[in-house]
Amino acid sequence: QVQLVESGGGLVQAGGSLRLSCAASGLPFSSYSMGWFRQAPGKEREFVLAIRWSSSSLYYADSVKGRFTISRDNVKNTVYLQMNSLKPEDTAVYYCAAGAHPYKLGSSVADFGSWGQGTQVTVSA
């Protein structure tokens, strides 16, 4: 079955950077879009960034524009989330997700069919 394992979360001061990784197995990785979502306490899971299977295009949330970037390595079956200029409001559990269908790119929870366990990111003021 599909397994997505995130790593790289932690505690960082405002203005700092973190890089999250998500290692995928159990699916033809290069055929699926990949995304990152986040969920803060008491809030719904929200979209952050997604990248097409070929890395040719991506979607991003306005709240992270210019600060976060997504990339993927189709040889290592890994997707990355580089987070710069972090703010306290970026504090959340961050989830990696694989598209629900091959060769489709979306930005809603329903567009993704497999999820990682999540990694905590905490940004202190």
Protein backbone atom coordinates (compact mmCIF):
# COMPACT_ATOMS: atom_id res chain seq x y z
CA GLN A 1 0.00 0.00 0.00
CA VAL A 2 1.00 3.64 -0.30
CA GLN A 3 3.25 4.96 2.45
CA LEU A 4 4.22 8.58 2.91
CA VAL A 5 6.72 9.41 5.64
CA GLU A 6 7.39 13.04 6.53
CA SER A 7 10.45 14.32 8.31
CA GLY A 8 12.13 17.61 9.10
CA GLY A 9 9.65 19.31 11.39
CA GLY A 10 10.63 21.04 14.60
CA LEU A 11 10.81 24.27 16.53
CA VAL A 12 12.15 27.40 14.87
CA GLN A 13 12.14 31.10 15.62
CA ALA A 14 10.14 33.52 13.52
CA GLY A 15 12.07 34.44 10.39
CA GLY A 16 13.83 31.10 10.31
CA SER A 17 13.67 28.26 7.81
CA LEU A 18 12.82 24.57 7.77
CA ARG A 19 12.84 21.94 5.07
CA LEU A 20 10.35 19.11 5.21
CA SER A 21 10.81 15.88 3.30
CA CYS A 22 8.31 13.21 2.38
CA ALA A 23 9.48 9.81 1.22
CA ALA A 24 6.92 7.88 -0.81
CA SER A 25 6.58 4.18 -1.51
CA GLY A 26 3.95 1.84 -2.89
CA LEU A 27 2.95 3.97 -5.88
CA PRO A 28 4.39 4.97 -9.27
CA PHE A 29 5.64 8.22 -7.80
CA SER A 30 6.46 9.95 -11.09
CA SER A 31 2.82 9.59 -12.21
CA TYR A 32 1.24 11.40 -9.27
CA SER A 33 0.98 14.98 -8.17
CA MET A 34 2.12 15.59 -4.60
CA GLY A 35 0.98 18.15 -2.11
CA TRP A 36 1.50 19.61 1.32
CA PHE A 37 -1.30 20.55 3.68
CA ARG A 38 -1.28 21.84 7.23
CA GLN A 39 -3.62 21.78 10.18
CA ALA A 40 -3.45 24.07 13.18
CA PRO A 41 -5.22 23.23 16.46
CA GLY A 42 -8.95 23.81 16.17
CA LYS A 43 -8.77 24.53 12.46
CA GLU A 44 -9.50 22.58 9.31
CA ARG A 45 -6.76 21.08 7.22
CA GLU A 46 -5.68 23.65 4.64
CA PHE A 47 -3.83 23.45 1.36
CA VAL A 48 -0.28 24.77 1.20
CA LEU A 49 1.40 23.72 -2.06
CA ALA A 50 1.12 21.06 -4.73
CA ILE A 51 3.33 20.01 -7.60
CA ARG A 52 2.58 18.21 -10.82
CA TRP A 53 4.05 14.75 -11.41
CA SER A 54 6.50 16.22 -13.93
CA SER A 55 7.31 19.26 -11.76
CA SER A 56 6.15 21.45 -14.63
CA SER A 57 3.62 23.44 -12.64
CA LEU A 58 2.33 23.87 -9.16
CA TYR A 59 -0.39 25.42 -7.05
CA TYR A 60 0.22 27.43 -3.91
CA ALA A 61 -1.81 29.11 -1.19
CA ASP A 62 -1.60 32.92 -1.06
CA SER A 63 -0.50 32.77 2.57
CA VAL A 64 2.80 31.12 1.64
CA LYS A 65 3.50 32.81 -1.69
CA GLY A 66 7.10 33.97 -1.89
CA ARG A 67 8.09 32.12 1.29
CA PHE A 68 7.47 28.40 0.68
CA THR A 69 8.54 26.31 -2.28
CA ILE A 70 7.81 22.72 -3.23
CA SER A 71 10.04 20.43 -5.24
CA ARG A 72 10.31 16.74 -5.99
CA ASP A 73 12.91 14.16 -6.91
CA ASN A 74 11.33 11.42 -9.01
CA VAL A 75 14.44 9.25 -8.66
CA LYS A 76 14.39 9.36 -4.85
CA ASN A 77 10.56 9.28 -4.70
CA THR A 78 10.68 12.27 -2.40
CA VAL A 79 8.89 15.59 -2.25
CA TYR A 80 10.21 18.58 -0.33
CA LEU A 81 8.75 21.67 1.26
CA GLN A 82 11.21 24.51 1.80
CA MET A 83 9.82 27.03 4.25
CA ASN A 84 11.52 30.40 4.63
CA SER A 85 10.63 33.54 6.58
CA LEU A 86 8.50 31.48 8.90
CA LYS A 87 5.82 33.19 10.97
CA PRO A 88 4.10 32.08 14.18
CA GLU A 89 0.90 31.60 12.18
CA ASP A 90 2.68 28.89 10.17
CA THR A 91 2.61 26.72 13.29
CA ALA A 92 0.74 23.51 12.45
CA VAL A 93 1.04 19.83 11.73
CA TYR A 94 2.19 19.51 8.14
CA TYR A 95 0.97 16.60 6.03
CA CYS A 96 2.32 15.21 2.80
CA ALA A 97 -0.25 13.85 0.34
CA ALA A 98 -0.29 11.96 -2.95
CA GLY A 99 -2.83 12.63 -5.66
CA ALA A 100 -5.95 10.50 -5.70
CA HIS A 101 -5.51 9.77 -9.40
CA PRO A 102 -2.49 9.72 -11.68
CA TYR A 103 -1.78 12.70 -13.92
CA LYS A 104 -4.16 15.02 -12.10
CA LEU A 105 -3.27 18.12 -10.10
CA GLY A 106 -5.55 19.69 -7.55
CA SER A 107 -5.52 21.80 -4.42
CA SER A 108 -8.31 20.42 -2.27
CA VAL A 109 -8.27 17.61 0.28
CA ALA A 110 -10.50 15.55 -2.02
CA ASP A 111 -7.89 15.70 -4.79
CA PHE A 112 -5.47 13.65 -2.66
CA GLY A 113 -5.91 9.99 -1.77
CA SER A 114 -2.97 9.08 0.47
CA TRP A 115 -1.62 10.94 3.47
CA GLY A 116 1.40 10.85 5.71
CA GLN A 117 1.27 10.83 9.47
CA GLY A 118 2.17 14.50 9.75
CA THR A 119 5.10 16.39 11.24
CA GLN A 120 4.84 19.23 13.73
CA VAL A 121 6.19 22.66 12.84
CA THR A 122 6.26 25.22 15.63
CA VAL A 123 7.32 28.81 15.02
CA SER A 124 8.05 30.89 18.09
CA ALA A 125 7.63 34.65 18.11
